[in-house]
Amino acid sequence: MSNFPLYDNLITEVTSFEDLSSKQKDNFMKMVVDIDDNSSELIYALIRVYQLENSENKNIFTLPYDGKFIDKDLKFDLNELPNQLKQILYNFLTLYHGNKTKEEVKNK
């Protein structure tokens, strides 16, 4: 168990170690472009915690999974991430968009 409750909750929801389906990957790409800065930071934190919990490479001074800085933004290639991590991030994005939709309806 990590010291990051969001990660701990999301990883318990992962029931498959399979890669995301094509439809899930398409949904992932649509959802990820619509997140705010705070959620972007949470995604990076989830990636880093997963790396520290599951990878032999625990070097905190390098970006995990071939991440790159592009124009001051941190970018990851979805295909470079482990399947379980993809599932965690997909669940996070689904939760984020579900909560965002509820909030939008509430504010109308």
Protein backbone atom coordinates (compact mmCIF):
# COMPACT_ATOMS: atom_id res chain seq x y z
CA MET A 1 0.00 0.00 0.00
CA SER A 2 1.30 3.43 -0.93
CA ASN A 3 0.98 6.72 0.91
CA PHE A 4 -1.32 8.00 -1.85
CA PRO A 5 -4.99 7.13 -1.15
CA LEU A 6 -6.15 7.98 -4.69
CA TYR A 7 -3.68 5.47 -6.12
CA ASP A 8 -4.65 2.85 -3.53
CA ASN A 9 -8.35 3.24 -4.37
CA LEU A 10 -7.84 3.18 -8.12
CA ILE A 11 -5.57 0.15 -8.13
CA THR A 12 -8.14 -1.88 -6.21
CA GLU A 13 -10.59 -1.17 -9.05
CA VAL A 14 -8.29 -2.70 -11.67
CA THR A 15 -9.62 -6.14 -12.51
CA SER A 16 -7.70 -6.70 -15.72
CA PHE A 17 -4.06 -6.63 -16.66
CA GLU A 18 -5.03 -6.52 -20.32
CA ASP A 19 -4.26 -3.57 -22.52
CA LEU A 20 -7.01 -1.02 -23.05
CA SER A 21 -9.32 -1.84 -25.92
CA SER A 22 -9.25 0.35 -29.03
CA LYS A 23 -12.46 2.02 -27.87
CA GLN A 24 -11.00 2.66 -24.41
CA LYS A 25 -7.84 4.13 -25.95
CA ASP A 26 -9.96 6.45 -28.10
CA ASN A 27 -11.99 7.50 -25.04
CA PHE A 28 -8.78 7.95 -23.05
CA MET A 29 -7.37 10.33 -25.65
CA LYS A 30 -10.61 12.33 -25.77
CA MET A 31 -10.84 12.58 -21.98
CA VAL A 32 -7.19 13.44 -21.30
CA VAL A 33 -7.22 16.57 -23.47
CA ASP A 34 -10.06 17.99 -21.37
CA ILE A 35 -8.47 17.84 -17.92
CA ASP A 36 -7.39 20.76 -15.77
CA ASP A 37 -3.89 21.42 -14.41
CA ASN A 38 -4.65 19.85 -11.03
CA SER A 39 -5.81 16.65 -12.69
CA SER A 40 -2.71 16.64 -14.90
CA GLU A 41 -0.60 16.74 -11.75
CA LEU A 42 -2.62 13.88 -10.26
CA ILE A 43 -2.04 11.81 -13.40
CA TYR A 44 1.70 12.38 -13.10
CA ALA A 45 1.55 11.46 -9.41
CA LEU A 46 -0.30 8.24 -10.28
CA ILE A 47 2.34 7.40 -12.89
CA ARG A 48 5.18 8.10 -10.46
CA VAL A 49 3.64 6.12 -7.59
CA TYR A 50 3.00 3.19 -9.92
CA GLN A 51 6.63 3.33 -11.04
CA LEU A 52 7.92 3.42 -7.47
CA GLU A 53 5.62 0.57 -6.39
CA ASN A 54 6.15 -1.70 -9.40
CA SER A 55 9.35 -0.96 -11.27
CA GLU A 56 12.93 -1.90 -10.57
CA ASN A 57 13.87 1.61 -11.76
CA LYS A 58 13.11 3.74 -8.71
CA ASN A 59 15.25 6.69 -9.82
CA ILE A 60 13.18 9.74 -8.89
CA PHE A 61 15.40 12.00 -10.99
CA THR A 62 14.38 10.53 -14.35
CA LEU A 63 10.98 10.57 -15.95
CA PRO A 64 9.30 7.17 -15.85
CA TYR A 65 8.18 5.27 -18.94
CA ASP A 66 10.05 7.46 -21.42
CA GLY A 67 8.16 10.62 -20.48
CA LYS A 68 9.35 13.78 -22.21
CA PHE A 69 9.07 17.51 -21.72
CA ILE A 70 7.62 19.15 -24.83
CA ASP A 71 7.14 22.92 -24.73
CA LYS A 72 7.14 22.93 -20.90
CA ASP A 73 4.49 20.18 -20.82
CA LEU A 74 5.14 16.65 -19.65
CA LYS A 75 4.05 14.04 -22.20
CA PHE A 76 3.78 10.28 -22.02
CA ASP A 77 3.15 7.84 -24.83
CA LEU A 78 0.19 5.68 -23.80
CA ASN A 79 1.77 2.69 -25.54
CA GLU A 80 4.86 2.93 -23.29
CA LEU A 81 2.86 2.57 -20.07
CA PRO A 82 2.28 -0.81 -18.42
CA ASN A 83 -1.22 -2.22 -18.95
CA GLN A 84 -2.15 -2.04 -15.27
CA LEU A 85 -1.14 1.63 -15.15
CA LYS A 86 -3.22 2.33 -18.27
CA GLN A 87 -6.20 0.80 -16.49
CA ILE A 88 -5.57 2.97 -13.40
CA LEU A 89 -5.34 6.14 -15.48
CA TYR A 90 -8.41 5.21 -17.51
CA ASN A 91 -10.38 4.71 -14.29
CA PHE A 92 -9.15 8.08 -13.01
CA LEU A 93 -10.19 9.86 -16.20
CA THR A 94 -13.58 8.16 -16.13
CA LEU A 95 -14.10 9.30 -12.54
CA TYR A 96 -12.90 12.81 -13.35
CA HIS A 97 -15.27 13.18 -16.29
CA GLY A 98 -18.16 11.65 -14.36
CA ASN A 99 -17.65 14.13 -11.53
CA LYS A 100 -17.20 17.00 -13.97
CA THR A 101 -20.48 16.15 -15.68
CA LYS A 102 -22.31 15.97 -12.33
CA GLU A 103 -20.88 19.37 -11.37
CA GLU A 104 -21.89 20.92 -14.69
CA VAL A 105 -25.45 19.66 -14.28
CA LYS A 106 -25.55 20.92 -10.68
CA ASN A 107 -24.38 24.39 -11.72
CA LYS A 108 -27.05 24.82 -14.40
